[in-house]
N, C-alpha and C. Protein backbone atom coordinates (compact mmCIF):
# COMPACT_ATOMS: atom_id res chain seq x y z
N MET A 1 7.90 -48.23 -15.04
CA MET A 1 6.40 -48.57 -15.19
C MET A 1 6.20 -49.78 -14.32
N THR A 2 5.21 -49.31 -13.03
CA THR A 2 5.11 -50.38 -12.19
C THR A 2 3.61 -51.09 -12.47
N SER A 3 3.43 -52.34 -12.06
CA SER A 3 2.38 -52.98 -12.00
C SER A 3 1.69 -52.68 -10.87
N THR A 4 0.38 -52.77 -10.76
CA THR A 4 -0.43 -52.55 -9.66
C THR A 4 -1.49 -53.35 -9.59
N ASN A 5 -2.34 -53.69 -8.19
CA ASN A 5 -3.48 -54.23 -8.37
C ASN A 5 -4.39 -53.31 -8.46
N LEU A 6 -4.48 -52.04 -8.40
CA LEU A 6 -5.21 -50.92 -8.20
C LEU A 6 -5.81 -50.66 -9.63
N LYS A 7 -7.16 -50.02 -9.34
CA LYS A 7 -7.72 -49.51 -10.43
C LYS A 7 -8.62 -48.18 -10.25
N LYS A 8 -8.88 -47.39 -11.12
CA LYS A 8 -9.64 -46.22 -11.22
C LYS A 8 -10.76 -46.69 -10.56
N ASN A 9 -11.32 -45.87 -9.59
CA ASN A 9 -12.62 -45.69 -8.83
C ASN A 9 -12.75 -46.94 -7.66
N ASP A 10 -11.42 -47.25 -7.33
CA ASP A 10 -11.51 -48.25 -6.31
C ASP A 10 -11.29 -47.38 -5.04
N ASN A 11 -12.30 -47.95 -3.71
CA ASN A 11 -11.99 -47.44 -2.69
C ASN A 11 -10.92 -47.80 -1.92
N VAL A 12 -9.96 -46.86 -1.46
CA VAL A 12 -8.67 -47.45 -1.00
C VAL A 12 -8.66 -46.33 0.51
N VAL A 13 -7.81 -46.60 1.26
CA VAL A 13 -7.24 -46.22 2.61
C VAL A 13 -5.82 -45.92 2.60
N VAL A 14 -5.57 -44.65 3.16
CA VAL A 14 -3.98 -44.10 3.15
C VAL A 14 -3.54 -44.90 4.29
N ILE A 15 -2.66 -45.60 4.13
CA ILE A 15 -1.89 -46.41 5.47
C ILE A 15 -0.72 -45.76 5.79
N THR A 16 -0.13 -44.45 5.39
CA THR A 16 1.04 -43.90 5.92
C THR A 16 1.04 -42.39 5.45
N GLY A 17 1.48 -41.55 6.23
CA GLY A 17 1.67 -40.26 5.79
C GLY A 17 0.75 -39.43 6.46
N ALA A 18 0.70 -38.12 6.19
CA ALA A 18 -0.02 -37.11 6.78
C ALA A 18 -1.29 -37.39 6.80
N ASP A 19 -1.96 -38.10 5.86
CA ASP A 19 -3.46 -38.23 5.75
C ASP A 19 -3.60 -39.70 5.96
N LYS A 20 -3.11 -40.45 7.03
CA LYS A 20 -3.08 -41.66 7.21
C LYS A 20 -4.48 -41.83 7.80
N GLY A 21 -5.18 -43.20 7.41
CA GLY A 21 -6.24 -43.36 7.88
C GLY A 21 -7.74 -42.76 7.06
N HIS A 22 -7.14 -41.59 6.23
CA HIS A 22 -8.39 -41.15 5.20
C HIS A 22 -8.72 -42.40 4.18
N ARG A 23 -10.11 -42.57 3.83
CA ARG A 23 -10.70 -43.06 2.76
C ARG A 23 -10.92 -42.29 1.62
N GLY A 24 -10.91 -42.94 0.36
CA GLY A 24 -11.23 -42.05 -0.79
C GLY A 24 -11.24 -42.71 -1.79
N LYS A 25 -11.84 -42.42 -3.01
CA LYS A 25 -11.93 -43.07 -4.46
C LYS A 25 -10.66 -42.67 -5.33
N ILE A 26 -10.04 -43.72 -5.86
CA ILE A 26 -8.86 -43.24 -6.72
C ILE A 26 -9.35 -42.54 -8.09
N LEU A 27 -8.91 -41.25 -8.20
CA LEU A 27 -9.21 -40.50 -9.61
C LEU A 27 -8.31 -40.70 -10.67
N PHE A 28 -7.16 -40.90 -10.44
CA PHE A 28 -6.09 -41.10 -11.38
C PHE A 28 -5.10 -42.01 -11.10
N ILE A 29 -4.35 -42.70 -11.76
CA ILE A 29 -3.25 -43.58 -11.41
C ILE A 29 -2.12 -43.14 -12.66
N ASP A 30 -1.18 -43.20 -11.90
CA ASP A 30 0.37 -42.86 -13.05
C ASP A 30 1.26 -43.62 -12.64
N THR A 31 1.07 -44.90 -13.64
CA THR A 31 2.15 -45.97 -13.42
C THR A 31 3.76 -45.62 -14.04
N LYS A 32 3.84 -44.67 -14.54
CA LYS A 32 5.07 -44.54 -14.71
C LYS A 32 5.73 -43.74 -13.53
N LYS A 33 5.24 -43.16 -12.68
CA LYS A 33 5.54 -42.40 -11.68
C LYS A 33 5.26 -43.16 -10.27
N ALA A 34 4.45 -44.39 -10.30
CA ALA A 34 3.88 -45.05 -9.25
C ALA A 34 3.43 -43.95 -8.30
N ARG A 35 2.22 -43.26 -8.66
CA ARG A 35 1.56 -42.26 -7.97
C ARG A 35 0.03 -42.46 -8.15
N VAL A 36 -0.99 -42.23 -7.48
CA VAL A 36 -2.03 -41.90 -7.55
C VAL A 36 -2.82 -40.62 -6.73
N VAL A 37 -3.96 -40.32 -7.59
CA VAL A 37 -4.53 -39.02 -7.04
C VAL A 37 -5.81 -39.74 -6.37
N VAL A 38 -5.90 -39.66 -4.94
CA VAL A 38 -7.13 -40.09 -4.28
C VAL A 38 -8.04 -38.80 -3.92
N GLU A 39 -9.47 -38.95 -3.96
CA GLU A 39 -10.27 -37.90 -3.76
C GLU A 39 -10.32 -37.75 -2.18
N GLY A 40 -10.33 -36.22 -1.86
CA GLY A 40 -10.06 -35.67 -0.69
C GLY A 40 -8.86 -35.99 0.02
N VAL A 41 -7.70 -36.61 -0.44
CA VAL A 41 -6.45 -36.61 0.22
C VAL A 41 -5.46 -35.94 -0.51
N ASN A 42 -4.49 -35.35 0.48
CA ASN A 42 -2.99 -34.63 -0.06
C ASN A 42 -3.72 -33.32 -0.84
N LYS A 43 -4.84 -32.69 -0.32
CA LYS A 43 -5.13 -31.39 -0.81
C LYS A 43 -4.42 -30.38 -0.37
N LYS A 44 -4.10 -29.28 -1.81
CA LYS A 44 -3.15 -28.37 -1.54
C LYS A 44 -3.81 -27.16 -2.26
N LYS A 45 -3.34 -25.85 -1.98
CA LYS A 45 -3.98 -24.61 -2.74
C LYS A 45 -3.09 -24.39 -3.70
N LYS A 46 -3.70 -24.17 -4.92
CA LYS A 46 -2.74 -23.71 -6.18
C LYS A 46 -3.42 -22.52 -6.45
N PHE A 47 -2.43 -21.33 -6.69
CA PHE A 47 -2.68 -20.13 -7.26
C PHE A 47 -2.80 -20.13 -8.57
N VAL A 48 -3.90 -19.71 -9.28
CA VAL A 48 -3.91 -19.72 -10.87
C VAL A 48 -4.42 -18.16 -11.18
N ARG A 49 -3.61 -17.81 -12.40
CA ARG A 49 -3.93 -16.60 -13.07
C ARG A 49 -5.27 -16.58 -13.75
N PRO A 50 -5.88 -15.63 -13.91
CA PRO A 50 -7.28 -15.33 -14.47
C PRO A 50 -7.27 -15.83 -15.89
N SER A 51 -8.17 -16.73 -15.98
CA SER A 51 -8.16 -17.36 -17.54
C SER A 51 -9.56 -17.53 -17.85
N GLN A 52 -10.12 -17.98 -19.28
CA GLN A 52 -11.28 -18.12 -19.65
C GLN A 52 -12.05 -18.96 -18.65
N GLN A 53 -11.53 -20.29 -18.16
CA GLN A 53 -12.03 -21.22 -17.29
C GLN A 53 -12.47 -20.80 -16.00
N ASN A 54 -11.58 -19.82 -15.70
CA ASN A 54 -11.56 -19.33 -14.42
C ASN A 54 -11.38 -17.79 -14.26
N PRO A 55 -12.36 -17.07 -14.61
CA PRO A 55 -12.02 -15.53 -14.71
C PRO A 55 -11.62 -14.85 -13.40
N LYS A 56 -11.76 -15.39 -12.54
CA LYS A 56 -11.27 -14.62 -11.24
C LYS A 56 -10.13 -14.93 -10.61
N GLY A 57 -9.42 -16.21 -11.19
CA GLY A 57 -8.24 -16.45 -10.55
C GLY A 57 -8.09 -16.68 -9.26
N GLY A 58 -6.96 -16.62 -8.52
CA GLY A 58 -6.90 -16.71 -7.09
C GLY A 58 -6.64 -18.27 -6.74
N ALA A 59 -6.83 -18.90 -5.61
CA ALA A 59 -6.37 -20.17 -5.05
C ALA A 59 -7.58 -20.87 -5.33
N ILE A 60 -7.29 -22.10 -5.84
CA ILE A 60 -8.20 -23.32 -6.26
C ILE A 60 -7.44 -24.35 -5.15
N SER A 61 -8.58 -25.37 -4.71
CA SER A 61 -8.00 -26.50 -3.89
C SER A 61 -7.88 -27.69 -4.67
N LEU A 62 -6.77 -28.37 -5.04
CA LEU A 62 -6.38 -29.66 -5.76
C LEU A 62 -6.00 -30.69 -4.97
N GLU A 63 -6.35 -32.21 -5.55
CA GLU A 63 -5.79 -33.19 -4.72
C GLU A 63 -4.53 -33.49 -5.62
N PHE A 64 -3.28 -33.37 -5.02
CA PHE A 64 -2.07 -33.84 -5.39
C PHE A 64 -1.77 -35.24 -5.32
N PRO A 65 -0.98 -36.17 -6.23
CA PRO A 65 -0.70 -37.13 -6.10
C PRO A 65 0.13 -37.76 -4.72
N ILE A 66 -0.14 -39.06 -4.33
CA ILE A 66 0.72 -39.70 -3.55
C ILE A 66 1.26 -40.73 -3.94
N ALA A 67 2.38 -41.56 -3.36
CA ALA A 67 2.83 -42.53 -3.75
C ALA A 67 1.88 -43.88 -3.76
N ILE A 68 1.93 -44.79 -4.48
CA ILE A 68 0.86 -45.86 -4.73
C ILE A 68 1.12 -46.92 -3.38
N SER A 69 2.51 -46.71 -2.93
CA SER A 69 2.70 -47.75 -1.89
C SER A 69 2.34 -47.33 -0.51
N ASN A 70 1.50 -46.05 -0.45
CA ASN A 70 1.04 -45.42 0.68
C ASN A 70 -0.51 -45.82 0.75
N VAL A 71 -1.10 -46.39 -0.15
CA VAL A 71 -2.50 -46.66 -0.09
C VAL A 71 -2.69 -48.28 -0.24
N ALA A 72 -3.74 -48.83 0.38
CA ALA A 72 -4.13 -50.05 0.61
C ALA A 72 -5.56 -50.27 -0.21
N LEU A 73 -6.04 -51.20 -0.74
CA LEU A 73 -7.62 -51.46 -1.25
C LEU A 73 -8.30 -51.58 0.05
N PHE A 74 -9.55 -50.80 0.07
CA PHE A 74 -10.49 -51.01 1.42
C PHE A 74 -11.50 -52.02 0.91
N CYS A 75 -11.49 -53.12 1.96
CA CYS A 75 -12.49 -54.29 1.94
C CYS A 75 -13.76 -53.65 2.94
N ASP A 76 -14.78 -53.42 2.25
CA ASP A 76 -15.98 -53.49 3.15
C ASP A 76 -16.22 -54.41 4.24
N LYS A 77 -16.06 -55.71 3.86
CA LYS A 77 -16.25 -56.92 4.78
C LYS A 77 -15.34 -56.66 6.14
N CYS A 78 -14.11 -56.71 5.70
CA CYS A 78 -13.05 -56.66 6.77
C CYS A 78 -12.93 -55.10 7.70
N LYS A 79 -13.60 -54.16 7.01
CA LYS A 79 -13.52 -52.78 7.34
C LYS A 79 -12.13 -52.17 7.58
N LYS A 80 -11.11 -52.77 6.51
CA LYS A 80 -9.83 -52.12 6.84
C LYS A 80 -8.95 -52.38 5.51
N GLY A 81 -7.76 -51.54 5.20
CA GLY A 81 -7.22 -51.88 4.06
C GLY A 81 -6.51 -53.30 3.85
N VAL A 82 -6.62 -53.93 2.80
CA VAL A 82 -6.28 -55.01 2.75
C VAL A 82 -5.12 -55.43 1.83
N ARG A 83 -4.38 -56.51 1.46
CA ARG A 83 -3.78 -57.10 0.31
C ARG A 83 -4.79 -57.91 -0.61
N THR A 84 -4.69 -58.04 -1.88
CA THR A 84 -5.36 -58.82 -2.69
C THR A 84 -4.71 -59.83 -3.05
N GLY A 85 -5.24 -60.79 -3.81
CA GLY A 85 -5.04 -62.10 -4.33
C GLY A 85 -5.59 -62.13 -5.54
N VAL A 86 -5.25 -63.13 -6.38
CA VAL A 86 -5.97 -63.43 -7.84
C VAL A 86 -6.59 -64.72 -7.79
N GLN A 87 -7.85 -64.87 -8.11
CA GLN A 87 -8.22 -66.14 -8.31
C GLN A 87 -9.13 -66.33 -9.71
N ILE A 88 -8.92 -67.60 -10.09
CA ILE A 88 -9.69 -67.56 -11.74
C ILE A 88 -11.04 -68.05 -11.28
N LYS A 89 -12.05 -67.40 -12.09
CA LYS A 89 -13.48 -67.72 -11.91
C LYS A 89 -13.79 -67.29 -13.55
N ASP A 90 -14.59 -68.60 -13.91
CA ASP A 90 -15.24 -68.22 -15.15
C ASP A 90 -14.19 -67.88 -16.27
N ASN A 91 -13.10 -68.67 -16.24
CA ASN A 91 -12.06 -68.05 -17.28
C ASN A 91 -11.84 -66.57 -17.27
N SER A 92 -11.80 -66.11 -16.24
CA SER A 92 -11.22 -64.73 -16.02
C SER A 92 -10.67 -64.47 -14.65
N LYS A 93 -9.77 -63.53 -14.55
CA LYS A 93 -9.24 -63.47 -13.20
C LYS A 93 -9.75 -62.46 -12.64
N VAL A 94 -9.92 -62.49 -11.10
CA VAL A 94 -10.55 -61.73 -10.47
C VAL A 94 -9.87 -61.49 -8.92
N ARG A 95 -9.91 -60.12 -8.59
CA ARG A 95 -9.24 -59.79 -7.08
C ARG A 95 -9.90 -60.17 -6.18
N VAL A 96 -9.41 -60.75 -5.01
CA VAL A 96 -10.04 -61.01 -3.73
C VAL A 96 -9.39 -60.64 -2.81
N CYS A 97 -10.08 -60.48 -1.50
CA CYS A 97 -9.24 -60.19 -0.34
C CYS A 97 -8.69 -61.33 0.26
N LYS A 98 -7.39 -60.91 0.55
CA LYS A 98 -6.59 -62.19 1.33
C LYS A 98 -7.19 -62.78 2.51
N LYS A 99 -7.65 -61.63 3.45
CA LYS A 99 -8.40 -62.34 4.69
C LYS A 99 -9.47 -63.15 4.61
N CYS A 100 -10.46 -62.62 3.95
CA CYS A 100 -11.65 -62.85 4.03
C CYS A 100 -12.16 -63.57 2.80
N GLY A 101 -11.45 -63.47 1.64
CA GLY A 101 -11.80 -64.20 0.38
C GLY A 101 -12.65 -63.37 -0.47
N LYS A 102 -13.17 -61.88 -0.10
CA LYS A 102 -14.60 -61.38 -0.83
C LYS A 102 -13.92 -61.12 -2.02
N ASN A 103 -14.80 -61.02 -2.90
CA ASN A 103 -14.72 -60.59 -4.42
C ASN A 103 -14.51 -58.84 -4.58
N MET A 104 -13.17 -58.47 -4.95
CA MET A 104 -13.02 -56.91 -4.87
C MET A 104 -13.59 -56.33 -6.28
N ASP A 105 -13.69 -57.30 -7.35
CA ASP A 105 -14.23 -56.83 -8.60
C ASP A 105 -15.62 -56.94 -8.60
N LYS A 106 -16.59 -55.90 -8.44
CA LYS A 106 -17.97 -55.92 -8.44
C LYS A 106 -18.31 -56.31 -9.68
């Protein structure tokens, strides 16, 4: 199990791999395997049999997981993927951009 500074619904940018430069929202985080599913990234076709949910069957397009080390949190102020630090404000920890100091927890 790996610790991460990313959360579900964070906006991230892919920093390496076939989808380098693509931005998207985190849909799912698997901390045991250190992988994330990002909206619109690493899409593949999966062929499914007909079922009650999908009576026609055939090919459906799904997002598959990528390594958590291949994404970085996207800062709106810096306009790029950044590393984050932690600051204590009002007795609670908040994530901040290391470059500009913007609060990443809205």
